[in-house]
PDB file of all heavy atoms in Angstrom:
ATOM      1  N   GLN A   1      76.645 117.755  72.912  1.00  0.00           N
ATOM      2  CA  GLN A   1      77.006 118.993  73.620  1.00  0.00           C
ATOM      3  C   GLN A   1      75.971 120.101  73.456  1.00  0.00           C
ATOM      4  O   GLN A   1      76.006 121.089  74.181  1.00  0.00           O
ATOM      5  CB  GLN A   1      78.362 119.519  73.132  1.00  0.00           C
ATOM      6  CG  GLN A   1      79.525 118.593  73.408  1.00  0.00           C
ATOM      7  CD  GLN A   1      79.843 117.764  72.173  1.00  0.00           C
ATOM      8  OE1 GLN A   1      78.979 117.518  71.330  1.00  0.00           O
ATOM      9  NE2 GLN A   1      81.092 117.338  72.055  1.00  0.00           N
ATOM     10  N   SER A   2      75.077 119.991  72.493  1.00  0.00           N
ATOM     11  CA  SER A   2      74.100 121.054  72.267  1.00  0.00           C
ATOM     12  C   SER A   2      72.844 120.789  73.097  1.00  0.00           C
ATOM     13  O   SER A   2      72.381 119.655  73.218  1.00  0.00           O
ATOM     14  CB  SER A   2      73.745 121.178  70.777  1.00  0.00           C
ATOM     15  OG  SER A   2      73.024 120.048  70.336  1.00  0.00           O
ATOM     16  N   VAL A   3      72.313 121.864  73.678  1.00  0.00           N
ATOM     17  CA  VAL A   3      71.123 121.771  74.527  1.00  0.00           C
ATOM     18  C   VAL A   3      70.086 122.746  73.986  1.00  0.00           C
ATOM     19  O   VAL A   3      70.353 123.945  73.870  1.00  0.00           O
ATOM     20  CB  VAL A   3      71.463 122.109  75.992  1.00  0.00           C
ATOM     21  CG1 VAL A   3      70.194 122.111  76.848  1.00  0.00           C
ATOM     22  CG2 VAL A   3      72.483 121.130  76.552  1.00  0.00           C
ATOM     23  N   PHE A   4      68.922 122.226  73.673  1.00  0.00           N
ATOM     24  CA  PHE A   4      67.805 123.052  73.227  1.00  0.00           C
ATOM     25  C   PHE A   4      66.727 123.043  74.309  1.00  0.00           C
ATOM     26  O   PHE A   4      66.904 122.461  75.384  1.00  0.00           O
ATOM     27  CB  PHE A   4      67.274 122.548  71.885  1.00  0.00           C
ATOM     28  CG  PHE A   4      68.135 122.947  70.704  1.00  0.00           C
ATOM     29  CD1 PHE A   4      69.429 122.463  70.570  1.00  0.00           C
ATOM     30  CD2 PHE A   4      67.645 123.803  69.728  1.00  0.00           C
ATOM     31  CE1 PHE A   4      70.225 122.827  69.489  1.00  0.00           C
ATOM     32  CE2 PHE A   4      68.434 124.181  68.641  1.00  0.00           C
ATOM     33  CZ  PHE A   4      69.725 123.691  68.524  1.00  0.00           C
ATOM     34  N   ALA A   5      65.610 123.694  74.048  1.00  0.00           N
ATOM     35  CA  ALA A   5      64.616 123.927  75.103  1.00  0.00           C
ATOM     36  C   ALA A   5      64.114 122.640  75.752  1.00  0.00           C
ATOM     37  O   ALA A   5      63.947 122.573  76.970  1.00  0.00           O
ATOM     38  CB  ALA A   5      63.442 124.735  74.540  1.00  0.00           C
ATOM     39  N   LYS A   6      63.850 121.619  74.947  1.00  0.00           N
ATOM     40  CA  LYS A   6      63.298 120.383  75.511  1.00  0.00           C
ATOM     41  C   LYS A   6      64.289 119.644  76.404  1.00  0.00           C
ATOM     42  O   LYS A   6      63.874 118.819  77.227  1.00  0.00           O
ATOM     43  CB  LYS A   6      62.823 119.460  74.392  1.00  0.00           C
ATOM     44  CG  LYS A   6      61.537 119.917  73.718  1.00  0.00           C
ATOM     45  CD  LYS A   6      61.087 118.943  72.646  1.00  0.00           C
ATOM     46  CE  LYS A   6      59.788 119.406  72.002  1.00  0.00           C
ATOM     47  NZ  LYS A   6      59.337 118.490  70.916  1.00  0.00           N
ATOM     48  N   GLN A   7      65.587 119.917  76.244  1.00  0.00           N
ATOM     49  CA  GLN A   7      66.579 119.279  77.107  1.00  0.00           C
ATOM     50  C   GLN A   7      66.887 120.107  78.351  1.00  0.00           C
ATOM     51  O   GLN A   7      67.658 119.688  79.210  1.00  0.00           O
ATOM     52  CB  GLN A   7      67.885 119.037  76.338  1.00  0.00           C
ATOM     53  CG  GLN A   7      67.763 118.018  75.213  1.00  0.00           C
ATOM     54  CD  GLN A   7      67.666 118.664  73.851  1.00  0.00           C
ATOM     55  OE1 GLN A   7      68.372 119.620  73.552  1.00  0.00           O
ATOM     56  NE2 GLN A   7      66.786 118.152  73.021  1.00  0.00           N
ATOM     57  N   MET A   8      66.273 121.278  78.444  1.00  0.00           N
ATOM     58  CA  MET A   8      66.532 122.152  79.575  1.00  0.00           C
ATOM     59  C   MET A   8      65.804 121.651  80.824  1.00  0.00           C
ATOM     60  O   MET A   8      64.663 121.197  80.748  1.00  0.00           O
ATOM     61  CB  MET A   8      66.073 123.579  79.273  1.00  0.00           C
ATOM     62  CG  MET A   8      66.949 124.323  78.299  1.00  0.00           C
ATOM     63  SD  MET A   8      68.482 124.895  79.071  1.00  0.00           S
ATOM     64  CE  MET A   8      67.859 126.287  80.015  1.00  0.00           C
ATOM     65  N   PRO A   9      66.457 121.742  81.984  1.00  0.00           N
ATOM     66  CA  PRO A   9      65.741 121.458  83.230  1.00  0.00           C
ATOM     67  C   PRO A   9      64.785 122.594  83.552  1.00  0.00           C
ATOM     68  O   PRO A   9      64.852 123.657  82.945  1.00  0.00           O
ATOM     69  CB  PRO A   9      66.874 121.381  84.261  1.00  0.00           C
ATOM     70  CG  PRO A   9      67.912 122.314  83.718  1.00  0.00           C
ATOM     71  CD  PRO A   9      67.844 122.174  82.224  1.00  0.00           C
ATOM     72  N   ASP A  10      63.891 122.360  84.485  1.00  0.00           N
ATOM     73  CA  ASP A  10      63.017 123.427  84.967  1.00  0.00           C
ATOM     74  C   ASP A  10      63.850 124.289  85.912  1.00  0.00           C
ATOM     75  O   ASP A  10      64.039 123.957  87.082  1.00  0.00           O
ATOM     76  CB  ASP A  10      61.808 122.833  85.693  1.00  0.00           C
ATOM     77  CG  ASP A  10      60.814 123.910  86.146  1.00  0.00           C
ATOM     78  OD1 ASP A  10      61.173 125.102  86.067  1.00  0.00           O
ATOM     79  OD2 ASP A  10      59.702 123.557  86.576  1.00  0.00           O
ATOM     80  N   VAL A  11      64.365 125.396  85.388  1.00  0.00           N
ATOM     81  CA  VAL A  11      65.295 126.208  86.182  1.00  0.00           C
ATOM     82  C   VAL A  11      64.629 126.806  87.414  1.00  0.00           C
ATOM     83  O   VAL A  11      65.309 127.135  88.386  1.00  0.00           O
ATOM     84  CB  VAL A  11      65.935 127.320  85.314  1.00  0.00           C
ATOM     85  CG1 VAL A  11      66.779 126.728  84.208  1.00  0.00           C
ATOM     86  CG2 VAL A  11      64.863 128.234  84.734  1.00  0.00           C
ATOM     87  N   SER A  12      63.301 126.933  87.388  1.00  0.00           N
ATOM     88  CA  SER A  12      62.610 127.506  88.543  1.00  0.00           C
ATOM     89  C   SER A  12      62.653 126.580  89.748  1.00  0.00           C
ATOM     90  O   SER A  12      62.394 127.009  90.882  1.00  0.00           O
ATOM     91  CB  SER A  12      61.156 127.822  88.191  1.00  0.00           C
ATOM     92  OG  SER A  12      60.415 126.636  87.975  1.00  0.00           O
ATOM     93  N   LYS A  13      62.967 125.292  89.529  1.00  0.00           N
ATOM     94  CA  LYS A  13      62.977 124.330  90.624  1.00  0.00           C
ATOM     95  C   LYS A  13      64.388 123.937  91.060  1.00  0.00           C
ATOM     96  O   LYS A  13      64.562 123.059  91.903  1.00  0.00           O
ATOM     97  CB  LYS A  13      62.198 123.074  90.216  1.00  0.00           C
ATOM     98  CG  LYS A  13      60.719 123.342  89.979  1.00  0.00           C
ATOM     99  CD  LYS A  13      59.979 122.073  89.579  1.00  0.00           C
ATOM    100  CE  LYS A  13      58.490 122.370  89.362  1.00  0.00           C
ATOM    101  NZ  LYS A  13      57.740 121.150  88.940  1.00  0.00           N
ATOM    102  N   ILE A  14      65.393 124.591  90.477  1.00  0.00           N
ATOM    103  CA  ILE A  14      66.774 124.272  90.842  1.00  0.00           C
ATOM    104  C   ILE A  14      67.149 125.067  92.089  1.00  0.00           C
ATOM    105  O   ILE A  14      67.023 126.294  92.118  1.00  0.00           O
ATOM    106  CB  ILE A  14      67.739 124.606  89.691  1.00  0.00           C
ATOM    107  CG1 ILE A  14      67.417 123.744  88.465  1.00  0.00           C
ATOM    108  CG2 ILE A  14      69.184 124.378  90.121  1.00  0.00           C
ATOM    109  CD1 ILE A  14      68.272 124.071  87.259  1.00  0.00           C
ATOM    110  N   ALA A  15      67.619 124.361  93.108  1.00  0.00           N
ATOM    111  CA  ALA A  15      68.066 125.034  94.325  1.00  0.00           C
ATOM    112  C   ALA A  15      69.484 125.540  94.116  1.00  0.00           C
ATOM    113  O   ALA A  15      70.374 124.776  93.752  1.00  0.00           O
ATOM    114  CB  ALA A  15      68.015 124.074  95.507  1.00  0.00           C
ATOM    115  N   VAL A  16      69.686 126.810  94.314  1.00  0.00           N
ATOM    116  CA  VAL A  16      71.007 127.397  94.117  1.00  0.00           C
ATOM    117  C   VAL A  16      71.381 128.209  95.345  1.00  0.00           C
ATOM    118  O   VAL A  16      70.528 128.751  96.052  1.00  0.00           O
ATOM    119  CB  VAL A  16      71.069 128.297  92.867  1.00  0.00           C
ATOM    120  CG1 VAL A  16      70.867 127.494  91.608  1.00  0.00           C
ATOM    121  CG2 VAL A  16      70.050 129.420  92.961  1.00  0.00           C
ATOM    122  N   LYS A  17      72.652 128.287  95.607  1.00  0.00           N
ATOM    123  CA  LYS A  17      73.158 129.127  96.681  1.00  0.00           C
ATOM    124  C   LYS A  17      73.511 130.471  96.073  1.00  0.00           C
ATOM    125  O   LYS A  17      74.405 130.572  95.235  1.00  0.00           O
ATOM    126  CB  LYS A  17      74.386 128.498  97.332  1.00  0.00           C
ATOM    127  CG  LYS A  17      74.952 129.325  98.492  1.00  0.00           C
ATOM    128  CD  LYS A  17      76.173 128.651  99.092  1.00  0.00           C
ATOM    129  CE  LYS A  17      76.749 129.492 100.224  1.00  0.00           C
ATOM    130  NZ  LYS A  17      77.968 128.852 100.807  1.00  0.00           N
ATOM    131  N   THR A  18      72.803 131.487  96.449  1.00  0.00           N
ATOM    132  CA  THR A  18      73.028 132.806  95.858  1.00  0.00           C
ATOM    133  C   THR A  18      73.962 133.624  96.732  1.00  0.00           C
ATOM    134  O   THR A  18      73.953 133.519  97.963  1.00  0.00           O
ATOM    135  CB  THR A  18      71.705 133.564  95.694  1.00  0.00           C
ATOM    136  OG1 THR A  18      71.078 133.701  96.973  1.00  0.00           O
ATOM    137  CG2 THR A  18      70.768 132.818  94.766  1.00  0.00           C
ATOM    138  N   MET A  19      74.776 134.432  96.088  1.00  0.00           N
ATOM    139  CA  MET A  19      75.656 135.351  96.790  1.00  0.00           C
ATOM    140  C   MET A  19      74.956 136.698  96.891  1.00  0.00           C
ATOM    141  O   MET A  19      74.300 137.140  95.946  1.00  0.00           O
ATOM    142  CB  MET A  19      76.973 135.505  96.031  1.00  0.00           C
ATOM    143  CG  MET A  19      77.772 134.218  95.928  1.00  0.00           C
ATOM    144  SD  MET A  19      78.319 133.616  97.527  1.00  0.00           S
ATOM    145  CE  MET A  19      79.552 134.865  97.912  1.00  0.00           C
ATOM    146  N   PRO A  20      75.043 137.364  98.039  1.00  0.00           N
ATOM    147  CA  PRO A  20      74.389 138.669  98.159  1.00  0.00           C
ATOM    148  C   PRO A  20      75.036 139.690  97.241  1.00  0.00           C
ATOM    149  O   PRO A  20      76.227 139.603  96.928  1.00  0.00           O
ATOM    150  CB  PRO A  20      74.608 139.039  99.628  1.00  0.00           C
ATOM    151  CG  PRO A  20      75.826 138.265 100.034  1.00  0.00           C
ATOM    152  CD  PRO A  20      75.778 136.984  99.253  1.00  0.00           C
ATOM    153  N   ALA A  21      74.233 140.629  96.792  1.00  0.00           N
ATOM    154  CA  ALA A  21      74.781 141.716  95.984  1.00  0.00           C
ATOM    155  C   ALA A  21      75.743 142.531  96.844  1.00  0.00           C
ATOM    156  O   ALA A  21      75.716 142.462  98.073  1.00  0.00           O
ATOM    157  CB  ALA A  21      73.640 142.607  95.479  1.00  0.00           C
ATOM    158  N   ALA A  22      76.606 143.257  96.181  1.00  0.00           N
ATOM    159  CA  ALA A  22      77.582 144.066  96.922  1.00  0.00           C
ATOM    160  C   ALA A  22      76.852 145.020  97.865  1.00  0.00           C
ATOM    161  O   ALA A  22      76.021 145.821  97.439  1.00  0.00           O
ATOM    162  CB  ALA A  22      78.443 144.848  95.940  1.00  0.00           C
ATOM    163  N   ASP A  23      77.139 144.891  99.174  1.00  0.00           N
ATOM    164  CA  ASP A  23      76.489 145.761 100.147  1.00  0.00           C
ATOM    165  C   ASP A  23      76.891 147.218  99.944  1.00  0.00           C
ATOM    166  O   ASP A  23      76.102 148.131 100.124  1.00  0.00           O
ATOM    167  CB  ASP A  23      76.854 145.325 101.569  1.00  0.00           C
ATOM    168  CG  ASP A  23      76.179 144.020 101.972  1.00  0.00           C
ATOM    169  OD1 ASP A  23      75.113 143.734 101.418  1.00  0.00           O
ATOM    170  OD2 ASP A  23      76.734 143.310 102.826  1.00  0.00           O
ATOM    171  N   THR A  24      78.144 147.405  99.590  1.00  0.00           N
ATOM    172  CA  THR A  24      78.658 148.752  99.439  1.00  0.00           C
ATOM    173  C   THR A  24      79.523 148.842  98.186  1.00  0.00           C
ATOM    174  O   THR A  24      80.322 147.942  97.929  1.00  0.00           O
ATOM    175  CB  THR A  24      79.511 149.150 100.665  1.00  0.00           C
ATOM    176  OG1 THR A  24      78.734 148.982 101.846  1.00  0.00           O
ATOM    177  CG2 THR A  24      79.957 150.594 100.567  1.00  0.00           C
TER     178      THR A  24
END
């Protein structure tokens, strides 16, 4: 269950669906 740096994925290459910031 523990994850250290070497087990981390390259987060810069992960495609994510982002939600827009609150417009108002």
